[in-house]
C-alpha atoms as a PDB file:
ATOM      1  CA  MET A   1       0.000   0.000   0.000  1.00  0.00           C
ATOM      2  CA  ASP A   2       1.338   3.416  -0.963  1.00  0.00           C
ATOM      3  CA  ASN A   3      -0.587   5.414   1.675  1.00  0.00           C
ATOM      4  CA  THR A   4      -1.180   8.087  -0.954  1.00  0.00           C
ATOM      5  CA  THR A   5      -4.013   9.939   0.749  1.00  0.00           C
ATOM      6  CA  ALA A   6      -2.134  10.143   4.068  1.00  0.00           C
ATOM      7  CA  LYS A   7       1.001  11.409   2.320  1.00  0.00           C
ATOM      8  CA  VAL A   8      -0.897  14.077   0.370  1.00  0.00           C
ATOM      9  CA  SER A   9      -2.546  15.315   3.577  1.00  0.00           C
ATOM     10  CA  CYS A  10       0.882  15.561   5.194  1.00  0.00           C
ATOM     11  CA  PHE A  11       2.198  17.362   2.117  1.00  0.00           C
ATOM     12  CA  ALA A  12      -0.617  19.916   2.300  1.00  0.00           C
ATOM     13  CA  ARG A  13       0.309  20.733   5.900  1.00  0.00           C
ATOM     14  CA  ALA A  14       4.010  20.837   5.057  1.00  0.00           C
ATOM     15  CA  TYR A  15       3.598  23.090   2.011  1.00  0.00           C
ATOM     16  CA  HIS A  16       1.449  25.542   3.952  1.00  0.00           C
ATOM     17  CA  PHE A  17       3.994  25.798   6.764  1.00  0.00           C
ATOM     18  CA  VAL A  18       7.019  26.146   4.471  1.00  0.00           C
ATOM     19  CA  ASN A  19       5.504  28.714   2.109  1.00  0.00           C
ATOM     20  CA  ASN A  20       3.737  31.085   4.507  1.00  0.00           C
ATOM     21  CA  THR A  21       4.547  33.291   7.472  1.00  0.00           C
ATOM     22  CA  THR A  22       0.969  33.385   8.764  1.00  0.00           C
ATOM     23  CA  HIS A  23      -0.413  29.900   9.260  1.00  0.00           C
ATOM     24  CA  ILE A  24      -3.912  28.507   9.477  1.00  0.00           C
ATOM     25  CA  PHE A  25      -2.322  25.437  11.042  1.00  0.00           C
ATOM     26  CA  ALA A  26       1.396  25.434  11.823  1.00  0.00           C
ATOM     27  CA  ASP A  27       2.782  21.945  11.259  1.00  0.00           C
ATOM     28  CA  SER A  28       6.512  22.405  11.690  1.00  0.00           C
ATOM     29  CA  MET A  29       7.273  18.674  11.410  1.00  0.00           C
ATOM     30  CA  ALA A  30       5.329  17.560   8.335  1.00  0.00           C
ATOM     31  CA  ALA A  31       8.070  18.331   5.792  1.00  0.00           C
ATOM     32  CA  ARG A  32      10.705  16.575   7.898  1.00  0.00           C
ATOM     33  CA  LEU A  33       8.498  13.513   8.167  1.00  0.00           C
ATOM     34  CA  LEU A  34       7.935  13.375   4.410  1.00  0.00           C
ATOM     35  CA  GLY A  35      11.617  13.727   3.575  1.00  0.00           C
ATOM     36  CA  ASP A  36      12.288  13.245  -0.142  1.00  0.00           C
ATOM     37  CA  ASP A  37       8.614  12.519  -0.739  1.00  0.00           C
ATOM     38  CA  TYR A  38       7.896  16.227  -0.289  1.00  0.00           C
ATOM     39  CA  ASP A  39       9.574  17.008  -3.627  1.00  0.00           C
ATOM     40  CA  HIS A  40       8.121  13.891  -5.275  1.00  0.00           C
ATOM     41  CA  ILE A  41       4.573  14.856  -4.352  1.00  0.00           C
ATOM     42  CA  ALA A  42       5.139  18.460  -5.421  1.00  0.00           C
ATOM     43  CA  GLU A  43       6.328  17.291  -8.831  1.00  0.00           C
ATOM     44  CA  SER A  44       3.354  14.958  -9.142  1.00  0.00           C
ATOM     45  CA  MET A  45       1.000  17.838  -8.414  1.00  0.00           C
ATOM     46  CA  ILE A  46       2.734  20.014 -10.995  1.00  0.00           C
ATOM     47  CA  GLN A  47       2.311  17.260 -13.580  1.00  0.00           C
ATOM     48  CA  GLY A  48      -1.415  17.193 -12.768  1.00  0.00           C
ATOM     49  CA  ILE A  49      -2.061  20.929 -13.030  1.00  0.00           C
ATOM     50  CA  ASN A  50      -4.237  20.485 -16.113  1.00  0.00           C
ATOM     51  CA  PHE A  51      -6.470  18.109 -14.161  1.00  0.00           C
ATOM     52  CA  PHE A  52      -6.841  20.463 -11.235  1.00  0.00           C
ATOM     53  CA  LEU A  53      -6.850  23.718 -13.215  1.00  0.00           C
ATOM     54  CA  PRO A  54      -7.971  23.187 -16.833  1.00  0.00           C
ATOM     55  CA  GLY A  55      -6.572  25.902 -19.088  1.00  0.00           C
ATOM     56  CA  PHE A  56      -4.121  27.224 -16.503  1.00  0.00           C
ATOM     57  CA  GLU A  57      -1.410  29.520 -17.833  1.00  0.00           C
ATOM     58  CA  GLY A  58       1.496  30.426 -15.581  1.00  0.00           C
ATOM     59  CA  THR A  59       4.657  29.059 -14.034  1.00  0.00           C
ATOM     60  CA  LYS A  60       4.900  25.633 -12.417  1.00  0.00           C
ATOM     61  CA  GLU A  61       5.339  27.264  -9.020  1.00  0.00           C
ATOM     62  CA  GLU A  62       2.233  29.404  -9.483  1.00  0.00           C
ATOM     63  CA  GLY A  63       0.274  26.361 -10.578  1.00  0.00           C
ATOM     64  CA  LEU A  64       1.452  24.290  -7.632  1.00  0.00           C
ATOM     65  CA  ARG A  65       0.487  27.041  -5.214  1.00  0.00           C
ATOM     66  CA  LEU A  66      -3.011  27.239  -6.657  1.00  0.00           C
ATOM     67  CA  VAL A  67      -3.461  23.457  -6.622  1.00  0.00           C
ATOM     68  CA  VAL A  68      -2.411  23.187  -2.986  1.00  0.00           C
ATOM     69  CA  ASP A  69      -4.282  26.267  -1.748  1.00  0.00           C
ATOM     70  CA  LYS A  70      -7.501  25.642  -3.652  1.00  0.00           C
ATOM     71  CA  GLN A  71      -7.756  21.853  -3.682  1.00  0.00           C
ATOM     72  CA  LEU A  72      -5.597  20.185  -1.033  1.00  0.00           C
ATOM     73  CA  SER A  73      -5.038  22.486   1.913  1.00  0.00           C
ATOM     74  CA  PRO A  74      -8.391  23.977   2.976  1.00  0.00           C
ATOM     75  CA  SER A  75     -10.018  20.836   4.353  1.00  0.00           C
ATOM     76  CA  VAL A  76      -6.783  19.435   5.821  1.00  0.00           C
ATOM     77  CA  LEU A  77      -5.741  22.683   7.521  1.00  0.00           C
ATOM     78  CA  GLY A  78      -9.233  23.482   8.757  1.00  0.00           C
ATOM     79  CA  ARG A  79      -9.896  20.134  10.380  1.00  0.00           C
ATOM     80  CA  SER A  80      -6.386  19.994  11.864  1.00  0.00           C
ATOM     81  CA  VAL A  81      -6.520  23.396  13.560  1.00  0.00           C
ATOM     82  CA  TYR A  82     -10.043  22.765  14.830  1.00  0.00           C
ATOM     83  CA  CYS A  83      -9.170  19.364  16.268  1.00  0.00           C
ATOM     84  CA  GLU A  84      -5.996  20.497  18.008  1.00  0.00           C
ATOM     85  CA  GLU A  85      -7.659  23.638  19.379  1.00  0.00           C
ATOM     86  CA  LYS A  86     -10.266  21.412  21.025  1.00  0.00           C
ATOM     87  CA  LEU A  87      -7.499  19.108  22.237  1.00  0.00           C
ATOM     88  CA  LEU A  88      -5.804  21.982  24.059  1.00  0.00           C
ATOM     89  CA  ASP A  89      -9.136  22.897  25.647  1.00  0.00           C
ATOM     90  CA  GLU A  90      -9.530  19.303  26.826  1.00  0.00           C
ATOM     91  CA  ILE A  91      -6.018  19.197  28.273  1.00  0.00           C
ATOM     92  CA  THR A  92      -6.693  22.306  30.350  1.00  0.00           C
ATOM     93  CA  THR A  93      -9.699  20.541  31.900  1.00  0.00           C
ATOM     94  CA  GLY A  94      -7.794  17.424  32.896  1.00  0.00           C
ATOM     95  CA  CYS A  95      -7.660  15.220  29.826  1.00  0.00           C
ATOM     96  CA  GLY A  96      -4.442  13.193  29.692  1.00  0.00           C
ATOM     97  CA  GLN A  97      -5.137  10.726  26.883  1.00  0.00           C
ATOM     98  CA  TYR A  98      -5.245  11.631  23.190  1.00  0.00           C
ATOM     99  CA  LEU A  99      -6.462   9.008  20.729  1.00  0.00           C
ATOM    100  CA  ILE A 100      -5.655   9.553  17.060  1.00  0.00           C
ATOM    101  CA  PHE A 101      -7.731   7.180  14.950  1.00  0.00           C
ATOM    102  CA  ALA A 102      -6.356   6.556  11.433  1.00  0.00           C
ATOM    103  CA  SER A 103      -3.395   8.701  12.470  1.00  0.00           C
ATOM    104  CA  GLY A 104      -1.554   8.525   9.151  1.00  0.00           C
ATOM    105  CA  TYR A 105       1.363  10.942   9.163  1.00  0.00           C
ATOM    106  CA  ASP A 106      -0.047  13.097  11.950  1.00  0.00           C
ATOM    107  CA  THR A 107       2.772  14.977  13.696  1.00  0.00           C
ATOM    108  CA  PHE A 108       1.223  16.044  16.993  1.00  0.00           C
ATOM    109  CA  SER A 109       3.475  13.720  18.986  1.00  0.00           C
ATOM    110  CA  LEU A 110       6.522  15.239  17.278  1.00  0.00           C
ATOM    111  CA  ARG A 111       5.431  18.760  18.236  1.00  0.00           C
ATOM    112  CA  ASN A 112       3.982  18.044  21.661  1.00  0.00           C
ATOM    113  CA  GLU A 113       5.951  19.362  24.633  1.00  0.00           C
ATOM    114  CA  ASN A 114       3.443  18.341  27.308  1.00  0.00           C
ATOM    115  CA  ALA A 115       4.697  15.100  28.821  1.00  0.00           C
ATOM    116  CA  ALA A 116       1.466  14.721  30.799  1.00  0.00           C
ATOM    117  CA  VAL A 117      -0.453  13.921  27.602  1.00  0.00           C
ATOM    118  CA  GLN A 118      -0.247  10.292  26.527  1.00  0.00           C
ATOM    119  CA  VAL A 119      -0.771   9.869  22.785  1.00  0.00           C
ATOM    120  CA  PHE A 120      -2.122   6.695  21.195  1.00  0.00           C
ATOM    121  CA  GLU A 121      -1.938   6.400  17.397  1.00  0.00           C
ATOM    122  CA  MET A 122      -3.961   3.821  15.498  1.00  0.00           C
ATOM    123  CA  ASP A 123      -3.575   2.899  11.855  1.00  0.00           C
ATOM    124  CA  LEU A 124      -2.785   0.013   9.532  1.00  0.00           C
ATOM    125  CA  PRO A 125       0.429  -1.876  10.376  1.00  0.00           C
ATOM    126  CA  ASP A 126       2.267  -1.054   7.137  1.00  0.00           C
ATOM    127  CA  LEU A 127       1.620   2.670   7.520  1.00  0.00           C
ATOM    128  CA  MET A 128       2.729   2.618  11.159  1.00  0.00           C
ATOM    129  CA  ASP A 129       5.934   0.832  10.177  1.00  0.00           C
ATOM    130  CA  ASP A 130       6.616   3.386   7.458  1.00  0.00           C
ATOM    131  CA  LYS A 131       5.998   6.247   9.868  1.00  0.00           C
ATOM    132  CA  LYS A 132       8.455   4.806  12.397  1.00  0.00           C
ATOM    133  CA  LYS A 133      11.104   4.530   9.688  1.00  0.00           C
ATOM    134  CA  ARG A 134      10.523   8.126   8.620  1.00  0.00           C
ATOM    135  CA  ILE A 135      10.796   9.373  12.196  1.00  0.00           C
ATOM    136  CA  ASP A 136      14.079   7.518  12.667  1.00  0.00           C
ATOM    137  CA  CYS A 137      15.422   8.695   9.310  1.00  0.00           C
ATOM    138  CA  ALA A 138      14.617  12.326  10.178  1.00  0.00           C
ATOM    139  CA  GLY A 139      16.288  12.002  13.567  1.00  0.00           C
ATOM    140  CA  LEU A 140      13.031  12.755  15.368  1.00  0.00           C
ATOM    141  CA  LYS A 141      11.558  11.291  18.537  1.00  0.00           C
ATOM    142  CA  THR A 142       8.023  10.439  19.568  1.00  0.00           C
ATOM    143  CA  ALA A 143       6.455   9.316  22.803  1.00  0.00           C
ATOM    144  CA  SER A 144       3.352   7.942  21.058  1.00  0.00           C
ATOM    145  CA  GLU A 145       2.072   4.465  21.728  1.00  0.00           C
ATOM    146  CA  TYR A 146       1.517   2.896  18.321  1.00  0.00           C
ATOM    147  CA  VAL A 147      -1.437   0.556  17.965  1.00  0.00           C
ATOM    148  CA  PRO A 148      -1.203  -1.185  14.576  1.00  0.00           C
ATOM    149  CA  CYS A 149      -4.726  -2.249  13.651  1.00  0.00           C
ATOM    150  CA  ASP A 150      -7.587  -2.171  11.198  1.00  0.00           C
ATOM    151  CA  LEU A 151     -10.382  -0.016  12.588  1.00  0.00           C
ATOM    152  CA  ALA A 152     -12.873  -2.147  10.661  1.00  0.00           C
ATOM    153  CA  ASP A 153     -11.932  -5.003  13.010  1.00  0.00           C
ATOM    154  CA  GLU A 154     -13.148  -4.345  16.559  1.00  0.00           C
ATOM    155  CA  SER A 155     -10.081  -6.091  17.969  1.00  0.00           C
ATOM    156  CA  TRP A 156      -8.456  -2.626  17.990  1.00  0.00           C
ATOM    157  CA  VAL A 157     -10.209  -2.040  21.312  1.00  0.00           C
ATOM    158  CA  GLY A 158      -8.300  -4.785  23.080  1.00  0.00           C
ATOM    159  CA  LYS A 159      -5.038  -3.787  21.427  1.00  0.00           C
ATOM    160  CA  LEU A 160      -5.470  -0.191  22.570  1.00  0.00           C
ATOM    161  CA  ILE A 161      -6.143  -1.202  26.163  1.00  0.00           C
ATOM    162  CA  LYS A 162      -3.090  -3.496  26.159  1.00  0.00           C
ATOM    163  CA  LYS A 163      -0.999  -0.462  25.195  1.00  0.00           C
ATOM    164  CA  GLY A 164      -2.046   1.256  28.411  1.00  0.00           C
ATOM    165  CA  PHE A 165      -5.185   3.194  27.516  1.00  0.00           C
ATOM    166  CA  MET A 166      -7.306   3.738  30.635  1.00  0.00           C
ATOM    167  CA  THR A 167     -11.038   3.524  29.943  1.00  0.00           C
ATOM    168  CA  SER A 168     -11.831   5.071  33.324  1.00  0.00           C
ATOM    169  CA  GLU A 169      -9.800   8.211  32.624  1.00  0.00           C
ATOM    170  CA  LYS A 170     -10.855  11.197  30.547  1.00  0.00           C
ATOM    171  CA  SER A 171      -9.783  11.031  26.912  1.00  0.00           C
ATOM    172  CA  TYR A 172     -10.093  12.920  23.650  1.00  0.00           C
ATOM    173  CA  GLY A 173     -10.291  11.304  20.236  1.00  0.00           C
ATOM    174  CA  SER A 174      -9.509  12.572  16.748  1.00  0.00           C
ATOM    175  CA  LEU A 175     -11.431  10.813  13.990  1.00  0.00           C
ATOM    176  CA  LEU A 176     -10.461  13.171  11.187  1.00  0.00           C
ATOM    177  CA  GLY A 177     -10.881  12.053   7.606  1.00  0.00           C
ATOM    178  CA  ILE A 178     -12.483   8.704   8.465  1.00  0.00           C
ATOM    179  CA  SER A 179     -16.224   9.074   7.896  1.00  0.00           C
ATOM    180  CA  TYR A 180     -15.740   9.591   4.149  1.00  0.00           C
ATOM    181  CA  TYR A 181     -14.459   6.062   3.593  1.00  0.00           C
ATOM    182  CA  LEU A 182     -16.984   4.100   5.657  1.00  0.00           C
ATOM    183  CA  GLU A 183     -20.537   3.025   4.900  1.00  0.00           C
ATOM    184  CA  LYS A 184     -23.015   4.523   7.352  1.00  0.00           C
ATOM    185  CA  ASP A 185     -23.379   1.288   9.308  1.00  0.00           C
ATOM    186  CA  GLU A 186     -19.583   0.984   9.536  1.00  0.00           C
ATOM    187  CA  TRP A 187     -19.248   4.546  10.817  1.00  0.00           C
ATOM    188  CA  THR A 188     -21.999   3.934  13.381  1.00  0.00           C
ATOM    189  CA  LYS A 189     -20.266   0.774  14.574  1.00  0.00           C
ATOM    190  CA  LEU A 190     -16.981   2.643  14.996  1.00  0.00           C
ATOM    191  CA  ILE A 191     -18.611   5.459  16.983  1.00  0.00           C
ATOM    192  CA  ARG A 192     -20.330   2.915  19.245  1.00  0.00           C
ATOM    193  CA  LEU A 193     -17.000   1.212  19.924  1.00  0.00           C
ATOM    194  CA  VAL A 194     -15.357   4.552  20.680  1.00  0.00           C
ATOM    195  CA  ALA A 195     -18.192   5.421  23.057  1.00  0.00           C
ATOM    196  CA  GLY A 196     -17.713   2.075  24.767  1.00  0.00           C
ATOM    197  CA  ILE A 197     -14.144   2.852  25.826  1.00  0.00           C
ATOM    198  CA  MET A 198     -14.630   6.508  26.753  1.00  0.00           C
ATOM    199  CA  SER A 199     -15.567   7.724  30.215  1.00  0.00           C
ATOM    200  CA  ALA A 200     -18.263  10.340  30.717  1.00  0.00           C
ATOM    201  CA  GLY A 201     -16.978  13.794  29.847  1.00  0.00           C
ATOM    202  CA  SER A 202     -14.534  12.513  27.246  1.00  0.00           C
ATOM    203  CA  ALA A 203     -14.837  13.971  23.760  1.00  0.00           C
ATOM    204  CA  ILE A 204     -14.300  13.333  20.071  1.00  0.00           C
ATOM    205  CA  CYS A 205     -13.729  15.575  17.069  1.00  0.00           C
ATOM    206  CA  PHE A 206     -14.277  14.714  13.421  1.00  0.00           C
ATOM    207  CA  ASP A 207     -15.178  16.031   9.996  1.00  0.00           C
ATOM    208  CA  PHE A 208     -17.777  14.542   7.696  1.00  0.00           C
ATOM    209  CA  PRO A 209     -19.101  15.039   4.163  1.00  0.00           C
ATOM    210  CA  SER A 210     -22.394  16.900   4.296  1.00  0.00           C
ATOM    211  CA  ALA A 211     -25.135  16.888   1.695  1.00  0.00           C
ATOM    212  CA  ASP A 212     -23.563  19.828  -0.171  1.00  0.00           C
ATOM    213  CA  GLU A 213     -20.632  19.292  -2.497  1.00  0.00           C
ATOM    214  CA  SER A 214     -18.079  21.864  -3.562  1.00  0.00           C
ATOM    215  CA  LYS A 215     -15.751  21.594  -6.541  1.00  0.00           C
ATOM    216  CA  GLU A 216     -12.947  20.785  -4.115  1.00  0.00           C
ATOM    217  CA  THR A 217     -14.946  17.943  -2.587  1.00  0.00           C
ATOM    218  CA  LYS A 218     -15.593  16.441  -6.006  1.00  0.00           C
ATOM    219  CA  VAL A 219     -11.905  16.671  -6.922  1.00  0.00           C
ATOM    220  CA  ASN A 220     -10.902  15.027  -3.645  1.00  0.00           C
ATOM    221  CA  ILE A 221     -13.372  12.221  -4.288  1.00  0.00           C
ATOM    222  CA  THR A 222     -11.709  11.639  -7.653  1.00  0.00           C
ATOM    223  CA  LEU A 223      -8.257  11.651  -6.052  1.00  0.00           C
ATOM    224  CA  ALA A 224      -9.335   9.206  -3.381  1.00  0.00           C
ATOM    225  CA  SER A 225     -10.800   6.881  -6.005  1.00  0.00           C
ATOM    226  CA  GLY A 226      -7.528   7.007  -7.918  1.00  0.00           C
ATOM    227  CA  ALA A 227      -5.720   5.949  -4.751  1.00  0.00           C
ATOM    228  CA  GLY A 228      -8.116   3.055  -4.262  1.00  0.00           C
ATOM    229  CA  GLU A 229      -9.957   4.745  -1.396  1.00  0.00           C
ATOM    230  CA  GLN A 230     -13.607   5.196  -2.284  1.00  0.00           C
ATOM    231  CA  MET A 231     -15.636   7.854  -0.483  1.00  0.00           C
ATOM    232  CA  LYS A 232     -18.869   6.196   0.543  1.00  0.00           C
ATOM    233  CA  ALA A 233     -21.291   8.364   2.517  1.00  0.00           C
ATOM    234  CA  GLN A 234     -22.749  11.816   3.090  1.00  0.00           C
ATOM    235  CA  TYR A 235     -24.806  13.069   6.021  1.00  0.00           C
ATOM    236  CA  PRO A 236     -27.206  15.911   6.681  1.00  0.00           C
ATOM    237  CA  PHE A 237     -26.199  17.332  10.078  1.00  0.00           C
ATOM    238  CA  ALA A 238     -29.520  16.320  11.661  1.00  0.00           C
ATOM    239  CA  GLU A 239     -28.829  12.706  10.749  1.00  0.00           C
ATOM    240  CA  MET A 240     -25.317  12.846  12.190  1.00  0.00           C
ATOM    241  CA  GLU A 241     -26.614  14.409  15.401  1.00  0.00           C
ATOM    242  CA  VAL A 242     -29.138  11.597  15.879  1.00  0.00           C
ATOM    243  CA  LEU A 243     -26.477   8.979  15.140  1.00  0.00           C
ATOM    244  CA  LEU A 244     -24.175  10.452  17.777  1.00  0.00           C
ATOM    245  CA  SER A 245     -26.954  10.677  20.349  1.00  0.00           C
ATOM    246  CA  GLU A 246     -27.872   7.030  19.839  1.00  0.00           C
ATOM    247  CA  CYS A 247     -24.208   6.151  20.426  1.00  0.00           C
ATOM    248  CA  GLY A 248     -23.955   8.155  23.639  1.00  0.00           C
ATOM    249  CA  PHE A 249     -22.471  11.442  22.419  1.00  0.00           C
ATOM    250  CA  ALA A 250     -23.949  14.928  22.605  1.00  0.00           C
ATOM    251  CA  VAL A 251     -22.918  17.495  19.999  1.00  0.00           C
ATOM    252  CA  ALA A 252     -21.158  20.370  21.780  1.00  0.00           C
ATOM    253  CA  GLU A 253     -20.283  22.264  18.604  1.00  0.00           C
ATOM    254  CA  HIS A 254     -21.008  21.989  14.895  1.00  0.00           C
ATOM    255  CA  LEU A 255     -19.318  24.204  12.323  1.00  0.00           C
ATOM    256  CA  GLY A 256     -19.949  24.573   8.625  1.00  0.00           C
ATOM    257  CA  ALA A 257     -17.777  26.144   5.947  1.00  0.00           C
ATOM    258  CA  GLU A 258     -18.711  29.772   6.656  1.00  0.00           C
ATOM    259  CA  ASP A 259     -18.056  29.438  10.391  1.00  0.00           C
ATOM    260  CA  MET A 260     -14.741  27.681   9.807  1.00  0.00           C
ATOM    261  CA  THR A 261     -13.552  30.305   7.339  1.00  0.00           C
ATOM    262  CA  GLU A 262     -14.390  33.166   9.669  1.00  0.00           C
ATOM    263  CA  ARG A 263     -12.787  31.554  12.723  1.00  0.00           C
ATOM    264  CA  TYR A 264      -9.632  29.986  11.297  1.00  0.00           C
ATOM    265  CA  PHE A 265      -8.897  31.448   7.852  1.00  0.00           C
ATOM    266  CA  ALA A 266      -9.567  35.175   8.359  1.00  0.00           C
ATOM    267  CA  SER A 267      -6.184  36.090   9.865  1.00  0.00           C
ATOM    268  CA  TYR A 268      -4.304  34.252   7.127  1.00  0.00           C
ATOM    269  CA  ASN A 269      -6.423  35.865   4.412  1.00  0.00           C
ATOM    270  CA  ARG A 270      -5.771  39.348   5.784  1.00  0.00           C
ATOM    271  CA  THR A 271      -2.002  38.872   5.697  1.00  0.00           C
ATOM    272  CA  THR A 272      -1.892  36.786   2.508  1.00  0.00           C
ATOM    273  CA  PRO A 273      -4.474  38.419   0.195  1.00  0.00           C
ATOM    274  CA  LYS A 274      -2.767  37.122  -2.938  1.00  0.00           C
ATOM    275  CA  TYR A 275      -3.538  33.523  -1.994  1.00  0.00           C
ATOM    276  CA  PRO A 276      -6.857  33.520  -0.120  1.00  0.00           C
ATOM    277  CA  MET A 277      -8.341  30.303   1.214  1.00  0.00           C
ATOM    278  CA  ALA A 278     -11.731  29.244   2.513  1.00  0.00           C
ATOM    279  CA  ALA A 279     -13.027  26.157   4.260  1.00  0.00           C
ATOM    280  CA  PRO A 280     -14.601  23.823   1.688  1.00  0.00           C
ATOM    281  CA  VAL A 281     -18.336  23.712   1.198  1.00  0.00           C
ATOM    282  CA  GLY A 282     -19.538  20.164   1.712  1.00  0.00           C
ATOM    283  CA  VAL A 283     -17.455  19.427   4.811  1.00  0.00           C
ATOM    284  CA  ASP A 284     -18.794  19.880   8.343  1.00  0.00           C
ATOM    285  CA  TYR A 285     -16.966  19.646  11.674  1.00  0.00           C
ATOM    286  CA  VAL A 286     -18.229  18.277  14.973  1.00  0.00           C
ATOM    287  CA  TYR A 287     -16.996  18.295  18.568  1.00  0.00           C
ATOM    288  CA  ALA A 288     -19.046  15.895  20.693  1.00  0.00           C
ATOM    289  CA  VAL A 289     -18.938  14.907  24.363  1.00  0.00           C
ATOM    290  CA  ARG A 290     -19.528  11.465  25.871  1.00  0.00           C
ATOM    291  CA  GLU A 291     -22.605  11.566  28.089  1.00  0.00           C
END
């Protein structure tokens, strides 16, 4: 498996950090984690400019910037900053366990300076092995507990607990970028399992494809299909709220594209007017608390 989608998400975070002084989400470790793949992905994107931007006329660098800023970065940066902002809120109220489901090339553990927060990362074994190699190659260190698993197989619960996760203690879970690739019954099953290991007052954060679709969403669906990762479901917010309630979670906050753009993109857009960005239409964000 090439882990294409995870690499492209990491590239989007890396490119944004390297090429801007004002950041929507400042991921200082993404480029180091990618290593040589940063340039490989950039070249691949340049080769695909005509797909992303039909009729584009300009330099390769200008084209790459537009591809990243208009197609790749908005959803990745928006969900990342939202999730980690909520994480910091949780930590200040006593949360000491951070669960990253389908962690991919997430770099929180490489940036985290709070030793009181125990990080558990879950993803497929081959991706976890590749991530470990990249961390070693870059001379980085992580305190994460890796839990190689397939989230479609409920055995991940036992594996997580064996790694030291305490079900009686407050925790916070990131489920970013997962709901797109699961059928509705699969997503419901996953949320029920997560609820089953979380104590009251714990919380989760995730993004999901809503009933509206933007051009960016359609392009990302095509990219995911090309990588062998089919997007499978969409949800009106009311349906997602009921699903969460039935699984034991209460929605504490729900943001759509307009809210996300105003909260997280405005400062960047003021200082970088030449390359404005907006949260994608068709993606919603939820912060929910275990009842």
